[in-house]
């Protein structure tokens, strides 16, 4: 055994499926994170994940409104066509959802 400290990895090892998912266009959109004392604009969701340590899928879900905030940070898309596209898709899916039966089945 050597006395050298173990190298610290900043990002986890990623398999092929995760690489394909991260390569999707929706994760390369600009976002704005509203922290407690300031708002920060990031070039992509993946860059925001790398800097803040918040998972990219949580950031995306917070942007479209599926969840209220991700780890005490409010997230939104920087305004543009992608903002309209993803927000409209989520709102339409939410409006068109009808549950058959009661809550107990």
N, C-alpha and C. Protein backbone atom coordinates (compact mmCIF):
# COMPACT_ATOMS: atom_id res chain seq x y z
N UNK A 1 0.83 -1.18 0.00
CA UNK A 1 0.00 0.00 0.00
C UNK A 1 0.87 1.24 0.00
N UNK A 2 0.49 2.16 -0.82
CA UNK A 2 1.22 3.42 -0.86
C UNK A 2 0.56 4.41 0.09
N UNK A 3 1.29 5.43 0.42
CA UNK A 3 0.78 6.44 1.34
C UNK A 3 0.09 7.59 0.62
N UNK A 4 -0.12 7.48 -0.70
CA UNK A 4 -0.78 8.53 -1.46
C UNK A 4 -2.28 8.53 -1.17
N UNK A 5 -2.89 9.72 -1.03
CA UNK A 5 -4.34 9.75 -0.83
C UNK A 5 -5.07 9.34 -2.11
N UNK A 6 -6.22 8.75 -1.94
CA UNK A 6 -7.02 8.31 -3.09
C UNK A 6 -7.50 9.52 -3.88
N UNK A 7 -7.53 9.38 -5.19
CA UNK A 7 -7.98 10.47 -6.06
C UNK A 7 -9.50 10.64 -5.91
N UNK A 8 -9.94 11.87 -5.78
CA UNK A 8 -11.36 12.15 -5.61
C UNK A 8 -11.98 12.41 -6.97
N UNK A 9 -13.07 11.68 -7.28
CA UNK A 9 -13.78 11.86 -8.54
C UNK A 9 -14.86 12.90 -8.35
N UNK A 10 -14.96 13.85 -9.28
CA UNK A 10 -16.00 14.88 -9.19
C UNK A 10 -17.31 14.36 -9.76
N UNK A 11 -17.28 13.60 -10.84
CA UNK A 11 -18.48 13.06 -11.47
C UNK A 11 -18.42 11.54 -11.40
N UNK A 12 -19.56 10.88 -11.24
CA UNK A 12 -19.58 9.42 -11.16
C UNK A 12 -19.27 8.79 -12.52
N UNK A 13 -18.91 7.53 -12.50
CA UNK A 13 -18.70 6.80 -13.75
C UNK A 13 -20.04 6.67 -14.47
N UNK A 14 -20.04 6.85 -15.78
CA UNK A 14 -21.28 6.87 -16.55
C UNK A 14 -21.27 5.75 -17.57
N UNK A 15 -22.34 4.95 -17.61
CA UNK A 15 -22.43 3.88 -18.60
C UNK A 15 -23.02 4.42 -19.91
N UNK A 16 -23.14 3.56 -20.90
CA UNK A 16 -23.59 3.98 -22.24
C UNK A 16 -25.02 4.52 -22.24
N UNK A 17 -25.93 3.90 -21.49
CA UNK A 17 -27.31 4.37 -21.43
C UNK A 17 -27.40 5.78 -20.85
N UNK A 18 -26.62 6.04 -19.81
CA UNK A 18 -26.62 7.37 -19.19
C UNK A 18 -26.01 8.40 -20.14
N UNK A 19 -25.01 7.99 -20.90
CA UNK A 19 -24.41 8.91 -21.88
C UNK A 19 -25.43 9.31 -22.94
N UNK A 20 -26.22 8.33 -23.41
CA UNK A 20 -27.25 8.64 -24.41
C UNK A 20 -28.31 9.57 -23.83
N UNK A 21 -28.70 9.34 -22.58
CA UNK A 21 -29.71 10.18 -21.96
C UNK A 21 -29.20 11.61 -21.79
N UNK A 22 -27.96 11.77 -21.34
CA UNK A 22 -27.37 13.09 -21.15
C UNK A 22 -27.17 13.83 -22.48
N UNK A 23 -27.09 13.09 -23.58
CA UNK A 23 -26.87 13.70 -24.90
C UNK A 23 -28.16 14.26 -25.49
N UNK A 24 -29.31 14.03 -24.85
CA UNK A 24 -30.57 14.54 -25.38
C UNK A 24 -30.56 16.06 -25.41
N UNK A 25 -31.24 16.61 -26.41
CA UNK A 25 -31.25 18.05 -26.64
C UNK A 25 -31.82 18.83 -25.45
N UNK A 26 -32.79 18.26 -24.76
CA UNK A 26 -33.45 18.98 -23.68
C UNK A 26 -32.52 19.29 -22.51
N UNK A 27 -31.41 18.56 -22.38
CA UNK A 27 -30.47 18.82 -21.29
C UNK A 27 -29.39 19.82 -21.68
N UNK A 28 -29.42 20.32 -22.91
CA UNK A 28 -28.43 21.31 -23.34
C UNK A 28 -29.06 22.69 -23.49
N UNK A 29 -30.18 22.94 -22.80
CA UNK A 29 -30.87 24.22 -22.86
C UNK A 29 -30.41 25.13 -21.73
N UNK A 30 -30.40 26.45 -21.98
CA UNK A 30 -30.00 27.38 -20.92
C UNK A 30 -31.06 27.48 -19.83
N UNK A 31 -30.60 27.53 -18.58
CA UNK A 31 -31.51 27.62 -17.44
C UNK A 31 -31.03 28.71 -16.48
N UNK A 32 -31.95 29.12 -15.61
CA UNK A 32 -31.64 30.09 -14.57
C UNK A 32 -32.00 29.47 -13.23
N UNK A 33 -31.05 29.50 -12.29
CA UNK A 33 -31.27 29.00 -10.95
C UNK A 33 -31.43 30.16 -9.99
N UNK A 34 -32.53 30.19 -9.26
CA UNK A 34 -32.80 31.26 -8.30
C UNK A 34 -32.44 30.76 -6.90
N UNK A 35 -31.25 31.13 -6.46
CA UNK A 35 -30.76 30.75 -5.14
C UNK A 35 -31.28 31.75 -4.12
N UNK A 36 -30.96 31.57 -2.86
CA UNK A 36 -31.50 32.42 -1.80
C UNK A 36 -31.12 33.89 -1.99
N UNK A 37 -29.89 34.17 -2.38
CA UNK A 37 -29.45 35.55 -2.45
C UNK A 37 -29.18 36.07 -3.86
N UNK A 38 -29.20 35.20 -4.87
CA UNK A 38 -28.94 35.65 -6.24
C UNK A 38 -29.49 34.67 -7.26
N UNK A 39 -29.62 35.15 -8.49
CA UNK A 39 -30.03 34.30 -9.61
C UNK A 39 -28.83 34.13 -10.53
N UNK A 40 -28.60 32.89 -10.96
CA UNK A 40 -27.45 32.58 -11.80
C UNK A 40 -27.94 31.91 -13.08
N UNK A 41 -27.42 32.37 -14.22
CA UNK A 41 -27.77 31.78 -15.51
C UNK A 41 -26.69 30.78 -15.90
N UNK A 42 -27.12 29.59 -16.33
CA UNK A 42 -26.20 28.55 -16.79
C UNK A 42 -26.44 28.28 -18.26
N UNK A 43 -25.38 27.94 -19.00
CA UNK A 43 -25.51 27.69 -20.44
C UNK A 43 -26.31 26.43 -20.74
N UNK A 44 -26.15 25.41 -19.89
CA UNK A 44 -26.89 24.16 -20.09
C UNK A 44 -27.30 23.59 -18.73
N UNK A 45 -28.23 22.66 -18.77
CA UNK A 45 -28.64 21.97 -17.55
C UNK A 45 -27.48 21.12 -17.03
N UNK A 46 -26.71 20.52 -17.93
CA UNK A 46 -25.58 19.69 -17.51
C UNK A 46 -24.50 20.53 -16.84
N UNK A 47 -24.29 21.75 -17.32
CA UNK A 47 -23.33 22.65 -16.67
C UNK A 47 -23.82 23.03 -15.27
N UNK A 48 -25.12 23.27 -15.15
CA UNK A 48 -25.70 23.60 -13.85
C UNK A 48 -25.52 22.43 -12.88
N UNK A 49 -25.68 21.21 -13.38
CA UNK A 49 -25.49 20.04 -12.54
C UNK A 49 -24.05 19.95 -12.06
N UNK A 50 -23.12 20.18 -12.97
CA UNK A 50 -21.70 20.07 -12.64
C UNK A 50 -21.29 21.12 -11.60
N UNK A 51 -21.81 22.32 -11.71
CA UNK A 51 -21.42 23.40 -10.80
C UNK A 51 -22.14 23.29 -9.45
N UNK A 52 -23.45 23.01 -9.48
CA UNK A 52 -24.22 23.01 -8.23
C UNK A 52 -24.25 21.66 -7.53
N UNK A 53 -24.07 20.57 -8.29
CA UNK A 53 -24.16 19.24 -7.70
C UNK A 53 -25.57 18.70 -7.63
N UNK A 54 -26.54 19.43 -8.19
CA UNK A 54 -27.93 18.98 -8.22
C UNK A 54 -28.14 18.16 -9.49
N UNK A 55 -28.80 17.02 -9.38
CA UNK A 55 -28.97 16.11 -10.51
C UNK A 55 -29.68 16.80 -11.67
N UNK A 56 -29.23 16.52 -12.89
CA UNK A 56 -29.77 17.16 -14.09
C UNK A 56 -31.25 16.87 -14.30
N UNK A 57 -31.71 15.67 -13.95
CA UNK A 57 -33.13 15.36 -14.15
C UNK A 57 -34.00 16.13 -13.15
N UNK A 58 -33.50 16.38 -11.94
CA UNK A 58 -34.23 17.20 -10.99
C UNK A 58 -34.34 18.64 -11.48
N UNK A 59 -33.26 19.15 -12.06
CA UNK A 59 -33.28 20.51 -12.59
C UNK A 59 -34.30 20.62 -13.72
N UNK A 60 -34.32 19.64 -14.63
CA UNK A 60 -35.27 19.67 -15.75
C UNK A 60 -36.70 19.60 -15.24
N UNK A 61 -36.97 18.71 -14.28
CA UNK A 61 -38.33 18.59 -13.76
C UNK A 61 -38.78 19.85 -13.04
N UNK A 62 -37.85 20.54 -12.37
CA UNK A 62 -38.20 21.80 -11.72
C UNK A 62 -38.47 22.88 -12.77
N UNK A 63 -37.77 22.84 -13.89
CA UNK A 63 -37.98 23.83 -14.96
C UNK A 63 -39.36 23.69 -15.59
N UNK A 64 -39.81 22.47 -15.80
CA UNK A 64 -41.11 22.29 -16.45
C UNK A 64 -42.27 22.37 -15.47
N UNK A 65 -41.97 22.42 -14.18
CA UNK A 65 -43.02 22.57 -13.19
C UNK A 65 -43.51 21.27 -12.60
N UNK A 66 -42.84 20.19 -12.87
CA UNK A 66 -43.26 18.90 -12.32
C UNK A 66 -43.02 18.86 -10.82
N UNK A 67 -41.91 19.46 -10.39
CA UNK A 67 -41.65 19.63 -8.97
C UNK A 67 -41.45 21.12 -8.70
N UNK A 68 -41.67 21.55 -7.45
CA UNK A 68 -41.64 22.96 -7.12
C UNK A 68 -40.23 23.52 -7.17
N UNK A 69 -39.28 22.86 -6.52
CA UNK A 69 -37.88 23.27 -6.56
C UNK A 69 -36.98 22.07 -6.32
N UNK A 70 -35.74 22.19 -6.76
CA UNK A 70 -34.78 21.11 -6.60
C UNK A 70 -33.74 21.55 -5.58
N UNK A 71 -33.69 20.89 -4.47
CA UNK A 71 -32.77 21.17 -3.38
C UNK A 71 -32.76 22.65 -3.00
N UNK A 72 -33.93 23.18 -2.69
CA UNK A 72 -34.12 24.57 -2.25
C UNK A 72 -33.71 25.61 -3.27
N UNK A 73 -33.69 25.26 -4.54
CA UNK A 73 -33.37 26.21 -5.61
C UNK A 73 -34.52 26.19 -6.61
N UNK A 74 -35.05 27.36 -6.92
CA UNK A 74 -36.07 27.47 -7.96
C UNK A 74 -35.35 27.51 -9.31
N UNK A 75 -35.84 26.71 -10.27
CA UNK A 75 -35.22 26.62 -11.59
C UNK A 75 -36.23 27.01 -12.65
N UNK A 76 -35.76 27.66 -13.71
CA UNK A 76 -36.61 27.97 -14.85
C UNK A 76 -35.75 27.98 -16.11
N UNK A 77 -36.39 27.68 -17.25
CA UNK A 77 -35.71 27.83 -18.52
C UNK A 77 -35.49 29.30 -18.80
N UNK A 78 -34.38 29.61 -19.46
CA UNK A 78 -34.24 30.96 -19.97
C UNK A 78 -35.28 31.09 -21.07
N UNK A 79 -35.99 32.19 -21.12
CA UNK A 79 -37.13 32.32 -22.03
C UNK A 79 -36.73 32.10 -23.49
N UNK A 80 -37.61 31.44 -24.24
CA UNK A 80 -37.36 31.15 -25.64
C UNK A 80 -38.31 30.07 -26.13
N UNK A 81 -38.09 29.56 -27.34
CA UNK A 81 -38.95 28.54 -27.92
C UNK A 81 -38.96 27.26 -27.08
N UNK A 82 -37.81 26.86 -26.56
CA UNK A 82 -37.76 25.64 -25.75
C UNK A 82 -38.60 25.80 -24.50
N UNK A 83 -38.63 27.01 -23.93
CA UNK A 83 -39.45 27.27 -22.74
C UNK A 83 -40.92 27.00 -23.05
N UNK A 84 -41.38 27.54 -24.17
CA UNK A 84 -42.78 27.36 -24.57
C UNK A 84 -43.07 25.89 -24.87
N UNK A 85 -42.15 25.25 -25.59
CA UNK A 85 -42.35 23.86 -26.00
C UNK A 85 -42.51 22.93 -24.80
N UNK A 86 -41.57 22.95 -23.87
CA UNK A 86 -41.60 22.01 -22.76
C UNK A 86 -42.69 22.36 -21.76
N UNK A 87 -42.92 23.64 -21.48
CA UNK A 87 -43.99 24.03 -20.56
C UNK A 87 -45.35 23.61 -21.12
N UNK A 88 -45.58 23.88 -22.42
CA UNK A 88 -46.86 23.55 -23.05
C UNK A 88 -47.09 22.04 -23.03
N UNK A 89 -46.06 21.26 -23.31
CA UNK A 89 -46.21 19.80 -23.30
C UNK A 89 -46.60 19.32 -21.91
N UNK A 90 -45.95 19.83 -20.88
CA UNK A 90 -46.25 19.37 -19.53
C UNK A 90 -47.64 19.81 -19.10
N UNK A 91 -48.03 21.03 -19.41
CA UNK A 91 -49.36 21.52 -19.04
C UNK A 91 -50.44 20.72 -19.75
N UNK A 92 -50.27 20.43 -21.04
CA UNK A 92 -51.24 19.62 -21.79
C UNK A 92 -51.35 18.21 -21.22
N UNK A 93 -50.22 17.62 -20.87
CA UNK A 93 -50.24 16.28 -20.30
C UNK A 93 -50.97 16.28 -18.97
N UNK A 94 -50.77 17.32 -18.17
CA UNK A 94 -51.40 17.40 -16.87
C UNK A 94 -52.92 17.62 -17.00
N UNK A 95 -53.34 18.44 -17.96
CA UNK A 95 -54.76 18.72 -18.17
C UNK A 95 -55.49 17.50 -18.72
N UNK A 96 -54.86 16.78 -19.63
CA UNK A 96 -55.50 15.65 -20.28
C UNK A 96 -55.51 14.37 -19.44
N UNK A 97 -54.82 14.37 -18.32
CA UNK A 97 -54.76 13.19 -17.47
C UNK A 97 -56.07 13.03 -16.72
N UNK A 98 -56.71 11.88 -16.89
CA UNK A 98 -57.94 11.59 -16.12
C UNK A 98 -57.74 10.25 -15.44
N UNK A 99 -58.10 10.21 -14.20
CA UNK A 99 -57.95 8.98 -13.43
C UNK A 99 -59.26 8.21 -13.46
N UNK A 100 -59.20 6.95 -13.85
CA UNK A 100 -60.38 6.11 -13.88
C UNK A 100 -60.51 5.44 -12.52
N UNK A 101 -61.61 5.65 -11.85
CA UNK A 101 -61.80 5.05 -10.53
C UNK A 101 -61.38 5.99 -9.43
N UNK A 102 -61.55 5.56 -8.23
CA UNK A 102 -61.20 6.36 -7.07
C UNK A 102 -59.74 6.23 -6.71
N UNK A 103 -59.38 6.84 -5.62
CA UNK A 103 -57.99 6.78 -5.20
C UNK A 103 -57.59 5.42 -4.65
N UNK A 104 -58.55 4.64 -4.26
CA UNK A 104 -58.24 3.32 -3.72
C UNK A 104 -58.35 2.21 -4.75
N UNK A 105 -58.41 2.58 -6.03
CA UNK A 105 -58.43 1.56 -7.06
C UNK A 105 -59.71 1.51 -7.70
